[in-house]
């Protein structure tokens, strides 16, 4: 059904990689594998952080929220993408497109969470004696709430502005998901308002958090250089190294995507970069945090050990009754 401004609430056609059908089956297998890794990895981090009392710390509270964000937007994208890759139809409903757009714009929450995690590491390394006072539970909850509300507000603004643009009957989205640049290209009018809003939100949710992250890790680097204890130095490097790796992957890809001149980037390159930061990066985050972090690996072992011992005790008590 059409609307008065020329936009439409009918289905969209996601062109994706339809111009390269030989690649679609390969891409679908790769995407499916990364999706399973994302589901298992991020769900494991959330469960382990909740079940193991030794991980009831600000860092793992923030990490659990980061994992939940990754689960939200990958789940809003990948199932529909796999359906389109495996089947003849490449369509997505208007509601499904809105959901994808909204979930992707919640990436602002991830930007803010990464900044909060950098501040947490600054407090832990540079103010160790006052850490529990600085990062008290109430402050942690407020910072996470701010990150979620900030992402929600940003998503609502961008969704409402972009989806109201008149499309003059255009339905084909030249991407495998409903991403803002592809939807803006469908519009038959130029909107200065959206350009200004996107720039302002980019400064608030991209450049400001990135600046805070760089400042935090700059101060941390100076503090680490003064540490004489090799064991503590190594522990700090492992923890901060994981955070910095995730920050580099997330921000590096997005900055390259959105700040590089469009004339020098082919449409196919843009699709593969979008594929990387929406599908590959969320699957790498849990691997980075678990492989480089002894606390998480130890917590997983403790939970498995407790479960194993509990089963053995149950079996033993059953034999005694017999």
C-alpha atoms as a PDB file:
ATOM      1  CA  UNK A   1       0.000   0.000   0.000  1.00  0.00           C
ATOM      2  CA  UNK A   2       1.481   3.363  -0.980  1.00  0.00           C
ATOM      3  CA  UNK A   3       1.827   6.391   1.215  1.00  0.00           C
ATOM      4  CA  UNK A   4       1.369  10.029   0.438  1.00  0.00           C
ATOM      5  CA  UNK A   5       5.049  10.855   0.156  1.00  0.00           C
ATOM      6  CA  UNK A   6       5.727   8.225  -2.459  1.00  0.00           C
ATOM      7  CA  UNK A   7       7.334   5.721  -0.096  1.00  0.00           C
ATOM      8  CA  UNK A   8       5.941   2.222   0.075  1.00  0.00           C
ATOM      9  CA  UNK A   9       5.260  -0.477   2.635  1.00  0.00           C
ATOM     10  CA  UNK A  10       5.541  -3.320   0.115  1.00  0.00           C
ATOM     11  CA  UNK A  11       8.305  -5.932   0.084  1.00  0.00           C
ATOM     12  CA  UNK A  12      11.853  -5.018  -0.901  1.00  0.00           C
ATOM     13  CA  UNK A  13      14.136  -6.979  -3.234  1.00  0.00           C
ATOM     14  CA  UNK A  14      17.608  -7.605  -1.778  1.00  0.00           C
ATOM     15  CA  UNK A  15      19.905  -7.940  -4.772  1.00  0.00           C
ATOM     16  CA  UNK A  16      22.842  -9.102  -2.636  1.00  0.00           C
ATOM     17  CA  UNK A  17      25.207 -11.217  -4.715  1.00  0.00           C
ATOM     18  CA  UNK A  18      22.593 -12.239  -7.313  1.00  0.00           C
ATOM     19  CA  UNK A  19      24.879 -10.946 -10.079  1.00  0.00           C
ATOM     20  CA  UNK A  20      27.370 -13.649  -9.012  1.00  0.00           C
ATOM     21  CA  UNK A  21      25.259 -16.801  -8.574  1.00  0.00           C
ATOM     22  CA  UNK A  22      28.360 -19.009  -8.495  1.00  0.00           C
ATOM     23  CA  UNK A  23      29.421 -17.249  -5.288  1.00  0.00           C
ATOM     24  CA  UNK A  24      26.072 -17.453  -3.510  1.00  0.00           C
ATOM     25  CA  UNK A  25      26.383 -21.096  -2.363  1.00  0.00           C
ATOM     26  CA  UNK A  26      29.958 -20.547  -1.140  1.00  0.00           C
ATOM     27  CA  UNK A  27      28.960 -17.379   0.700  1.00  0.00           C
ATOM     28  CA  UNK A  28      25.937 -19.111   2.260  1.00  0.00           C
ATOM     29  CA  UNK A  29      28.130 -21.888   3.710  1.00  0.00           C
ATOM     30  CA  UNK A  30      30.657 -19.378   5.083  1.00  0.00           C
ATOM     31  CA  UNK A  31      27.886 -17.196   6.559  1.00  0.00           C
ATOM     32  CA  UNK A  32      26.189 -20.216   8.176  1.00  0.00           C
ATOM     33  CA  UNK A  33      29.470 -21.319   9.821  1.00  0.00           C
ATOM     34  CA  UNK A  34      30.172 -17.836  11.165  1.00  0.00           C
ATOM     35  CA  UNK A  35      26.586 -17.556  12.428  1.00  0.00           C
ATOM     36  CA  UNK A  36      26.902 -20.784  14.428  1.00  0.00           C
ATOM     37  CA  UNK A  37      30.203 -19.523  15.892  1.00  0.00           C
ATOM     38  CA  UNK A  38      28.523 -16.210  16.765  1.00  0.00           C
ATOM     39  CA  UNK A  39      25.572 -17.917  18.461  1.00  0.00           C
ATOM     40  CA  UNK A  40      27.677 -20.401  20.436  1.00  0.00           C
ATOM     41  CA  UNK A  41      30.461 -17.955  21.332  1.00  0.00           C
ATOM     42  CA  UNK A  42      28.357 -14.997  22.450  1.00  0.00           C
ATOM     43  CA  UNK A  43      25.803 -17.169  24.256  1.00  0.00           C
ATOM     44  CA  UNK A  44      28.683 -18.887  26.099  1.00  0.00           C
ATOM     45  CA  UNK A  45      30.086 -15.533  27.244  1.00  0.00           C
ATOM     46  CA  UNK A  46      26.673 -14.399  28.520  1.00  0.00           C
ATOM     47  CA  UNK A  47      26.000 -17.683  30.364  1.00  0.00           C
ATOM     48  CA  UNK A  48      29.500 -18.005  31.829  1.00  0.00           C
ATOM     49  CA  UNK A  49      29.482 -14.377  33.016  1.00  0.00           C
ATOM     50  CA  UNK A  50      26.132 -15.029  34.716  1.00  0.00           C
ATOM     51  CA  UNK A  51      26.855 -18.479  36.193  1.00  0.00           C
ATOM     52  CA  UNK A  52      30.412 -17.964  37.473  1.00  0.00           C
ATOM     53  CA  UNK A  53      30.492 -15.686  40.526  1.00  0.00           C
ATOM     54  CA  UNK A  54      34.158 -14.800  39.940  1.00  0.00           C
ATOM     55  CA  UNK A  55      33.111 -13.096  36.718  1.00  0.00           C
ATOM     56  CA  UNK A  56      30.528 -10.886  38.430  1.00  0.00           C
ATOM     57  CA  UNK A  57      32.684  -7.847  37.714  1.00  0.00           C
ATOM     58  CA  UNK A  58      32.069  -4.651  35.690  1.00  0.00           C
ATOM     59  CA  UNK A  59      34.218  -5.871  32.783  1.00  0.00           C
ATOM     60  CA  UNK A  60      32.173  -9.044  32.228  1.00  0.00           C
ATOM     61  CA  UNK A  61      28.915  -7.189  32.810  1.00  0.00           C
ATOM     62  CA  UNK A  62      29.867  -4.897  29.914  1.00  0.00           C
ATOM     63  CA  UNK A  63      31.136  -7.840  27.850  1.00  0.00           C
ATOM     64  CA  UNK A  64      27.817  -9.674  28.298  1.00  0.00           C
ATOM     65  CA  UNK A  65      25.951  -6.643  26.979  1.00  0.00           C
ATOM     66  CA  UNK A  66      28.356  -6.412  24.034  1.00  0.00           C
ATOM     67  CA  UNK A  67      27.698 -10.083  23.234  1.00  0.00           C
ATOM     68  CA  UNK A  68      23.945  -9.499  23.450  1.00  0.00           C
ATOM     69  CA  UNK A  69      24.184  -6.598  20.952  1.00  0.00           C
ATOM     70  CA  UNK A  70      26.105  -8.861  18.554  1.00  0.00           C
ATOM     71  CA  UNK A  71      23.472 -11.585  18.905  1.00  0.00           C
ATOM     72  CA  UNK A  72      20.654  -9.107  18.225  1.00  0.00           C
ATOM     73  CA  UNK A  73      21.875  -7.706  14.953  1.00  0.00           C
ATOM     74  CA  UNK A  74      23.331 -10.915  13.524  1.00  0.00           C
ATOM     75  CA  UNK A  75      20.053 -12.742  14.234  1.00  0.00           C
ATOM     76  CA  UNK A  76      18.102  -9.963  12.524  1.00  0.00           C
ATOM     77  CA  UNK A  77      20.267 -10.272   9.381  1.00  0.00           C
ATOM     78  CA  UNK A  78      21.636 -13.780   8.838  1.00  0.00           C
ATOM     79  CA  UNK A  79      18.493 -16.011   8.820  1.00  0.00           C
ATOM     80  CA  UNK A  80      16.870 -13.818   6.149  1.00  0.00           C
ATOM     81  CA  UNK A  81      20.145 -13.678   4.225  1.00  0.00           C
ATOM     82  CA  UNK A  82      20.450 -17.479   4.213  1.00  0.00           C
ATOM     83  CA  UNK A  83      16.845 -17.842   3.004  1.00  0.00           C
ATOM     84  CA  UNK A  84      17.597 -15.466   0.121  1.00  0.00           C
ATOM     85  CA  UNK A  85      20.892 -17.173  -0.728  1.00  0.00           C
ATOM     86  CA  UNK A  86      19.376 -20.685  -0.703  1.00  0.00           C
ATOM     87  CA  UNK A  87      16.063 -19.884  -2.419  1.00  0.00           C
ATOM     88  CA  UNK A  88      14.954 -18.288  -5.674  1.00  0.00           C
ATOM     89  CA  UNK A  89      13.225 -15.362  -3.950  1.00  0.00           C
ATOM     90  CA  UNK A  90      15.372 -12.413  -2.865  1.00  0.00           C
ATOM     91  CA  UNK A  91      12.637 -10.452  -1.157  1.00  0.00           C
ATOM     92  CA  UNK A  92      12.222  -9.166   2.387  1.00  0.00           C
ATOM     93  CA  UNK A  93       9.041  -7.785   3.941  1.00  0.00           C
ATOM     94  CA  UNK A  94       8.788  -4.120   4.865  1.00  0.00           C
ATOM     95  CA  UNK A  95       8.677  -5.099   8.548  1.00  0.00           C
ATOM     96  CA  UNK A  96      11.741  -7.329   8.147  1.00  0.00           C
ATOM     97  CA  UNK A  97      13.605  -4.484   6.454  1.00  0.00           C
ATOM     98  CA  UNK A  98      12.716  -2.096   9.277  1.00  0.00           C
ATOM     99  CA  UNK A  99      13.914  -4.672  11.823  1.00  0.00           C
ATOM    100  CA  UNK A 100      17.268  -5.086  10.045  1.00  0.00           C
ATOM    101  CA  UNK A 101      17.730  -1.330   9.684  1.00  0.00           C
ATOM    102  CA  UNK A 102      16.878  -0.775  13.359  1.00  0.00           C
ATOM    103  CA  UNK A 103      19.158  -3.584  14.591  1.00  0.00           C
ATOM    104  CA  UNK A 104      22.092  -2.338  12.513  1.00  0.00           C
ATOM    105  CA  UNK A 105      21.667   1.206  13.820  1.00  0.00           C
ATOM    106  CA  UNK A 106      21.925  -0.224  17.338  1.00  0.00           C
ATOM    107  CA  UNK A 107      25.634  -0.416  16.485  1.00  0.00           C
ATOM    108  CA  UNK A 108      25.763   2.953  18.271  1.00  0.00           C
ATOM    109  CA  UNK A 109      25.218   0.953  21.472  1.00  0.00           C
ATOM    110  CA  UNK A 110      28.304  -1.117  20.654  1.00  0.00           C
ATOM    111  CA  UNK A 111      30.360   2.050  20.114  1.00  0.00           C
ATOM    112  CA  UNK A 112      29.352   3.354  23.536  1.00  0.00           C
ATOM    113  CA  UNK A 113      29.910  -0.022  25.233  1.00  0.00           C
ATOM    114  CA  UNK A 114      33.451  -0.230  23.828  1.00  0.00           C
ATOM    115  CA  UNK A 115      34.134   3.254  25.241  1.00  0.00           C
ATOM    116  CA  UNK A 116      32.720   2.197  28.625  1.00  0.00           C
ATOM    117  CA  UNK A 117      34.924  -0.924  28.590  1.00  0.00           C
ATOM    118  CA  UNK A 118      37.971   1.226  27.832  1.00  0.00           C
ATOM    119  CA  UNK A 119      37.133   3.448  30.821  1.00  0.00           C
ATOM    120  CA  UNK A 120      36.722   0.337  32.971  1.00  0.00           C
ATOM    121  CA  UNK A 121      40.234  -0.841  31.973  1.00  0.00           C
ATOM    122  CA  UNK A 122      41.596   2.651  32.705  1.00  0.00           C
ATOM    123  CA  UNK A 123      40.087   2.542  36.207  1.00  0.00           C
ATOM    124  CA  UNK A 124      41.408  -1.004  36.808  1.00  0.00           C
ATOM    125  CA  UNK A 125      44.967  -0.257  35.659  1.00  0.00           C
ATOM    126  CA  UNK A 126      45.482   3.377  36.656  1.00  0.00           C
ATOM    127  CA  UNK A 127      43.301   3.524  39.804  1.00  0.00           C
ATOM    128  CA  UNK A 128      43.512  -0.051  41.189  1.00  0.00           C
ATOM    129  CA  UNK A 129      43.073   0.956  44.852  1.00  0.00           C
ATOM    130  CA  UNK A 130      39.917   2.934  44.078  1.00  0.00           C
ATOM    131  CA  UNK A 131      38.560   0.647  41.361  1.00  0.00           C
ATOM    132  CA  UNK A 132      35.644  -0.794  43.352  1.00  0.00           C
ATOM    133  CA  UNK A 133      34.641   2.705  44.464  1.00  0.00           C
ATOM    134  CA  UNK A 134      34.841   4.160  40.949  1.00  0.00           C
ATOM    135  CA  UNK A 135      33.170   1.253  39.128  1.00  0.00           C
ATOM    136  CA  UNK A 136      30.397   0.598  41.637  1.00  0.00           C
ATOM    137  CA  UNK A 137      27.375  -1.425  40.425  1.00  0.00           C
ATOM    138  CA  UNK A 138      25.017   1.546  40.205  1.00  0.00           C
ATOM    139  CA  UNK A 139      27.397   3.470  37.917  1.00  0.00           C
ATOM    140  CA  UNK A 140      27.936   0.390  35.726  1.00  0.00           C
ATOM    141  CA  UNK A 141      24.185  -0.069  35.317  1.00  0.00           C
ATOM    142  CA  UNK A 142      23.728   3.600  34.447  1.00  0.00           C
ATOM    143  CA  UNK A 143      26.494   3.497  31.835  1.00  0.00           C
ATOM    144  CA  UNK A 144      25.038   0.386  30.188  1.00  0.00           C
ATOM    145  CA  UNK A 145      21.540   1.906  30.277  1.00  0.00           C
ATOM    146  CA  UNK A 146      22.915   5.075  28.652  1.00  0.00           C
ATOM    147  CA  UNK A 147      24.574   2.986  25.921  1.00  0.00           C
ATOM    148  CA  UNK A 148      21.329   1.136  25.160  1.00  0.00           C
ATOM    149  CA  UNK A 149      19.176   4.279  25.228  1.00  0.00           C
ATOM    150  CA  UNK A 150      21.712   6.134  23.074  1.00  0.00           C
ATOM    151  CA  UNK A 151      21.671   3.354  20.492  1.00  0.00           C
ATOM    152  CA  UNK A 152      17.875   3.164  20.649  1.00  0.00           C
ATOM    153  CA  UNK A 153      17.509   6.915  20.150  1.00  0.00           C
ATOM    154  CA  UNK A 154      19.965   6.942  17.242  1.00  0.00           C
ATOM    155  CA  UNK A 155      18.189   3.997  15.585  1.00  0.00           C
ATOM    156  CA  UNK A 156      14.756   5.618  15.950  1.00  0.00           C
ATOM    157  CA  UNK A 157      15.950   8.904  14.426  1.00  0.00           C
ATOM    158  CA  UNK A 158      17.716   7.299  11.447  1.00  0.00           C
ATOM    159  CA  UNK A 159      14.926   4.781  10.795  1.00  0.00           C
ATOM    160  CA  UNK A 160      12.172   7.380  10.825  1.00  0.00           C
ATOM    161  CA  UNK A 161      14.068   9.800   8.566  1.00  0.00           C
ATOM    162  CA  UNK A 162      15.329   7.242   6.048  1.00  0.00           C
ATOM    163  CA  UNK A 163      12.175   5.162   5.663  1.00  0.00           C
ATOM    164  CA  UNK A 164      10.054   8.279   5.107  1.00  0.00           C
ATOM    165  CA  UNK A 165      12.054   9.228   2.010  1.00  0.00           C
ATOM    166  CA  UNK A 166       9.987   8.914  -1.209  1.00  0.00           C
ATOM    167  CA  UNK A 167      11.228   5.970  -3.278  1.00  0.00           C
ATOM    168  CA  UNK A 168       9.017   6.505  -6.348  1.00  0.00           C
ATOM    169  CA  UNK A 169       8.214   2.803  -6.574  1.00  0.00           C
ATOM    170  CA  UNK A 170      11.833   1.616  -6.275  1.00  0.00           C
ATOM    171  CA  UNK A 171      12.035  -1.721  -4.439  1.00  0.00           C
ATOM    172  CA  UNK A 172      15.504  -3.068  -5.254  1.00  0.00           C
ATOM    173  CA  UNK A 173      18.123  -2.716  -2.479  1.00  0.00           C
ATOM    174  CA  UNK A 174      21.612  -3.158  -3.890  1.00  0.00           C
ATOM    175  CA  UNK A 175      22.880  -5.089  -0.877  1.00  0.00           C
ATOM    176  CA  UNK A 176      22.144  -8.288   1.041  1.00  0.00           C
ATOM    177  CA  UNK A 177      20.545  -6.372   3.928  1.00  0.00           C
ATOM    178  CA  UNK A 178      18.549  -3.198   4.574  1.00  0.00           C
ATOM    179  CA  UNK A 179      21.431  -0.873   5.356  1.00  0.00           C
ATOM    180  CA  UNK A 180      21.065   2.906   5.456  1.00  0.00           C
ATOM    181  CA  UNK A 181      23.358   3.828   2.493  1.00  0.00           C
ATOM    182  CA  UNK A 182      21.574   1.352   0.198  1.00  0.00           C
ATOM    183  CA  UNK A 183      18.126   2.627   1.255  1.00  0.00           C
ATOM    184  CA  UNK A 184      19.127   6.264   0.785  1.00  0.00           C
ATOM    185  CA  UNK A 185      20.295   5.433  -2.757  1.00  0.00           C
ATOM    186  CA  UNK A 186      16.769   4.160  -3.516  1.00  0.00           C
ATOM    187  CA  UNK A 187      15.237   7.552  -2.707  1.00  0.00           C
ATOM    188  CA  UNK A 188      14.280   9.777  -5.615  1.00  0.00           C
ATOM    189  CA  UNK A 189      15.052  12.977  -3.666  1.00  0.00           C
ATOM    190  CA  UNK A 190      18.150  14.329  -1.945  1.00  0.00           C
ATOM    191  CA  UNK A 191      17.779  14.998   1.784  1.00  0.00           C
ATOM    192  CA  UNK A 192      20.124  17.533   3.350  1.00  0.00           C
ATOM    193  CA  UNK A 193      18.491  16.853   6.725  1.00  0.00           C
ATOM    194  CA  UNK A 194      19.594  13.198   6.730  1.00  0.00           C
ATOM    195  CA  UNK A 195      23.119  14.191   5.740  1.00  0.00           C
ATOM    196  CA  UNK A 196      23.367  16.639   8.664  1.00  0.00           C
ATOM    197  CA  UNK A 197      21.782  14.185  11.137  1.00  0.00           C
ATOM    198  CA  UNK A 198      24.075  11.317  10.054  1.00  0.00           C
ATOM    199  CA  UNK A 199      27.124  13.588  10.431  1.00  0.00           C
ATOM    200  CA  UNK A 200      26.027  14.742  13.909  1.00  0.00           C
ATOM    201  CA  UNK A 201      25.269  11.204  15.094  1.00  0.00           C
ATOM    202  CA  UNK A 202      28.567  10.012  13.609  1.00  0.00           C
ATOM    203  CA  UNK A 203      30.431  12.550  15.718  1.00  0.00           C
ATOM    204  CA  UNK A 204      28.501  11.658  18.884  1.00  0.00           C
ATOM    205  CA  UNK A 205      28.488   7.857  18.529  1.00  0.00           C
ATOM    206  CA  UNK A 206      31.622   7.215  16.479  1.00  0.00           C
ATOM    207  CA  UNK A 207      34.289   9.889  16.861  1.00  0.00           C
ATOM    208  CA  UNK A 208      33.657  10.852  20.511  1.00  0.00           C
ATOM    209  CA  UNK A 209      33.707   7.238  21.831  1.00  0.00           C
ATOM    210  CA  UNK A 210      36.755   6.466  19.661  1.00  0.00           C
ATOM    211  CA  UNK A 211      38.562   9.523  21.052  1.00  0.00           C
ATOM    212  CA  UNK A 212      37.755   8.436  24.620  1.00  0.00           C
ATOM    213  CA  UNK A 213      38.982   4.909  23.851  1.00  0.00           C
ATOM    214  CA  UNK A 214      42.276   6.181  22.421  1.00  0.00           C
ATOM    215  CA  UNK A 215      42.806   8.531  25.382  1.00  0.00           C
ATOM    216  CA  UNK A 216      42.043   5.729  27.873  1.00  0.00           C
ATOM    217  CA  UNK A 217      44.462   3.289  26.262  1.00  0.00           C
ATOM    218  CA  UNK A 218      47.072   6.020  25.864  1.00  0.00           C
ATOM    219  CA  UNK A 219      47.003   6.610  29.632  1.00  0.00           C
ATOM    220  CA  UNK A 220      46.960   2.836  30.245  1.00  0.00           C
ATOM    221  CA  UNK A 221      50.052   2.406  28.042  1.00  0.00           C
ATOM    222  CA  UNK A 222      51.924   4.995  30.092  1.00  0.00           C
ATOM    223  CA  UNK A 223      50.900   3.252  33.324  1.00  0.00           C
ATOM    224  CA  UNK A 224      51.881  -0.200  32.016  1.00  0.00           C
ATOM    225  CA  UNK A 225      55.342   1.027  31.094  1.00  0.00           C
ATOM    226  CA  UNK A 226      55.942   1.878  34.771  1.00  0.00           C
ATOM    227  CA  UNK A 227      54.860  -1.549  36.085  1.00  0.00           C
ATOM    228  CA  UNK A 228      57.738  -3.743  37.258  1.00  0.00           C
ATOM    229  CA  UNK A 229      55.737  -6.897  38.035  1.00  0.00           C
ATOM    230  CA  UNK A 230      55.982  -9.142  34.963  1.00  0.00           C
ATOM    231  CA  UNK A 231      52.903 -11.207  35.948  1.00  0.00           C
ATOM    232  CA  UNK A 232      50.656  -8.175  36.405  1.00  0.00           C
ATOM    233  CA  UNK A 233      52.084  -6.569  33.265  1.00  0.00           C
ATOM    234  CA  UNK A 234      51.208  -9.689  31.260  1.00  0.00           C
ATOM    235  CA  UNK A 235      47.680  -9.880  32.718  1.00  0.00           C
ATOM    236  CA  UNK A 236      46.979  -6.245  31.837  1.00  0.00           C
ATOM    237  CA  UNK A 237      48.294  -6.739  28.318  1.00  0.00           C
ATOM    238  CA  UNK A 238      46.094  -9.821  27.798  1.00  0.00           C
ATOM    239  CA  UNK A 239      42.943  -8.048  28.965  1.00  0.00           C
ATOM    240  CA  UNK A 240      43.590  -4.734  27.239  1.00  0.00           C
ATOM    241  CA  UNK A 241      44.899  -6.520  24.149  1.00  0.00           C
ATOM    242  CA  UNK A 242      41.543  -8.288  23.738  1.00  0.00           C
ATOM    243  CA  UNK A 243      39.641  -5.009  24.058  1.00  0.00           C
ATOM    244  CA  UNK A 244      41.941  -3.209  21.616  1.00  0.00           C
ATOM    245  CA  UNK A 245      41.655  -6.012  19.052  1.00  0.00           C
ATOM    246  CA  UNK A 246      37.841  -5.823  19.134  1.00  0.00           C
ATOM    247  CA  UNK A 247      37.949  -2.008  18.938  1.00  0.00           C
ATOM    248  CA  UNK A 248      40.310  -2.158  15.953  1.00  0.00           C
ATOM    249  CA  UNK A 249      38.114  -4.665  14.087  1.00  0.00           C
ATOM    250  CA  UNK A 250      34.879  -2.806  14.764  1.00  0.00           C
ATOM    251  CA  UNK A 251      35.976   0.789  14.273  1.00  0.00           C
ATOM    252  CA  UNK A 252      38.519   0.042  11.558  1.00  0.00           C
ATOM    253  CA  UNK A 253      35.969  -1.552   9.250  1.00  0.00           C
ATOM    254  CA  UNK A 254      33.242   1.049   9.873  1.00  0.00           C
ATOM    255  CA  UNK A 255      35.586   4.033   9.433  1.00  0.00           C
ATOM    256  CA  UNK A 256      36.942   2.530   6.213  1.00  0.00           C
ATOM    257  CA  UNK A 257      33.391   1.902   4.979  1.00  0.00           C
ATOM    258  CA  UNK A 258      31.848   5.265   5.753  1.00  0.00           C
ATOM    259  CA  UNK A 259      34.734   7.737   5.585  1.00  0.00           C
ATOM    260  CA  UNK A 260      36.369   6.511   2.380  1.00  0.00           C
ATOM    261  CA  UNK A 261      35.163   8.410  -0.726  1.00  0.00           C
ATOM    262  CA  UNK A 262      32.412   6.434  -2.470  1.00  0.00           C
ATOM    263  CA  UNK A 263      33.960   6.976  -5.884  1.00  0.00           C
ATOM    264  CA  UNK A 264      37.000   4.898  -4.978  1.00  0.00           C
ATOM    265  CA  UNK A 265      35.060   1.939  -3.576  1.00  0.00           C
ATOM    266  CA  UNK A 266      33.267  -0.499  -5.847  1.00  0.00           C
ATOM    267  CA  UNK A 267      29.802  -1.712  -4.905  1.00  0.00           C
ATOM    268  CA  UNK A 268      31.091  -5.296  -4.543  1.00  0.00           C
ATOM    269  CA  UNK A 269      33.856  -4.171  -2.188  1.00  0.00           C
ATOM    270  CA  UNK A 270      31.253  -2.350  -0.112  1.00  0.00           C
ATOM    271  CA  UNK A 271      29.129  -5.501   0.109  1.00  0.00           C
ATOM    272  CA  UNK A 272      32.054  -7.624   1.269  1.00  0.00           C
ATOM    273  CA  UNK A 273      33.050  -5.019   3.871  1.00  0.00           C
ATOM    274  CA  UNK A 274      29.454  -4.957   5.124  1.00  0.00           C
ATOM    275  CA  UNK A 275      29.569  -8.759   5.233  1.00  0.00           C
ATOM    276  CA  UNK A 276      32.727  -8.555   7.339  1.00  0.00           C
ATOM    277  CA  UNK A 277      31.534  -6.132  10.023  1.00  0.00           C
ATOM    278  CA  UNK A 278      28.005  -7.569  10.312  1.00  0.00           C
ATOM    279  CA  UNK A 279      28.842 -11.287  10.212  1.00  0.00           C
ATOM    280  CA  UNK A 280      32.566 -11.978  10.711  1.00  0.00           C
ATOM    281  CA  UNK A 281      33.345  -9.449  13.473  1.00  0.00           C
ATOM    282  CA  UNK A 282      30.571 -10.629  15.882  1.00  0.00           C
ATOM    283  CA  UNK A 283      31.897 -14.189  15.564  1.00  0.00           C
ATOM    284  CA  UNK A 284      35.478 -13.110  16.285  1.00  0.00           C
ATOM    285  CA  UNK A 285      34.646 -11.127  19.444  1.00  0.00           C
ATOM    286  CA  UNK A 286      33.977 -14.161  21.693  1.00  0.00           C
ATOM    287  CA  UNK A 287      36.990 -15.999  20.251  1.00  0.00           C
ATOM    288  CA  UNK A 288      39.250 -13.031  20.993  1.00  0.00           C
ATOM    289  CA  UNK A 289      37.981 -12.703  24.573  1.00  0.00           C
ATOM    290  CA  UNK A 290      38.077 -16.421  25.366  1.00  0.00           C
ATOM    291  CA  UNK A 291      41.363 -17.339  23.667  1.00  0.00           C
ATOM    292  CA  UNK A 292      43.301 -14.396  25.136  1.00  0.00           C
ATOM    293  CA  UNK A 293      41.572 -14.291  28.520  1.00  0.00           C
ATOM    294  CA  UNK A 294      42.507 -16.815  31.198  1.00  0.00           C
ATOM    295  CA  UNK A 295      39.613 -15.744  33.457  1.00  0.00           C
ATOM    296  CA  UNK A 296      36.988 -16.822  30.911  1.00  0.00           C
ATOM    297  CA  UNK A 297      38.756 -20.102  30.143  1.00  0.00           C
ATOM    298  CA  UNK A 298      39.096 -20.849  33.859  1.00  0.00           C
ATOM    299  CA  UNK A 299      35.425 -20.032  34.446  1.00  0.00           C
ATOM    300  CA  UNK A 300      34.333 -22.410  31.666  1.00  0.00           C
ATOM    301  CA  UNK A 301      36.486 -25.166  33.184  1.00  0.00           C
ATOM    302  CA  UNK A 302      35.026 -24.532  36.658  1.00  0.00           C
ATOM    303  CA  UNK A 303      31.443 -24.677  35.388  1.00  0.00           C
ATOM    304  CA  UNK A 304      32.113 -27.890  33.440  1.00  0.00           C
ATOM    305  CA  UNK A 305      33.941 -29.406  36.436  1.00  0.00           C
ATOM    306  CA  UNK A 306      31.076 -28.563  38.816  1.00  0.00           C
ATOM    307  CA  UNK A 307      28.550 -30.016  36.375  1.00  0.00           C
ATOM    308  CA  UNK A 308      30.620 -33.186  35.943  1.00  0.00           C
ATOM    309  CA  UNK A 309      31.077 -33.629  39.697  1.00  0.00           C
ATOM    310  CA  UNK A 310      27.376 -32.993  40.253  1.00  0.00           C
ATOM    311  CA  UNK A 311      26.457 -35.747  37.804  1.00  0.00           C
ATOM    312  CA  UNK A 312      28.936 -38.143  39.437  1.00  0.00           C
ATOM    313  CA  UNK A 313      27.548 -37.365  42.919  1.00  0.00           C
ATOM    314  CA  UNK A 314      24.006 -37.935  41.673  1.00  0.00           C
ATOM    315  CA  UNK A 315      24.976 -41.288  40.156  1.00  0.00           C
ATOM    316  CA  UNK A 316      26.827 -42.293  43.345  1.00  0.00           C
ATOM    317  CA  UNK A 317      23.880 -41.418  45.608  1.00  0.00           C
ATOM    318  CA  UNK A 318      21.622 -43.433  43.319  1.00  0.00           C
ATOM    319  CA  UNK A 319      23.865 -46.493  43.663  1.00  0.00           C
ATOM    320  CA  UNK A 320      23.960 -46.117  47.471  1.00  0.00           C
ATOM    321  CA  UNK A 321      20.144 -46.082  47.634  1.00  0.00           C
ATOM    322  CA  UNK A 322      20.052 -49.271  45.568  1.00  0.00           C
END
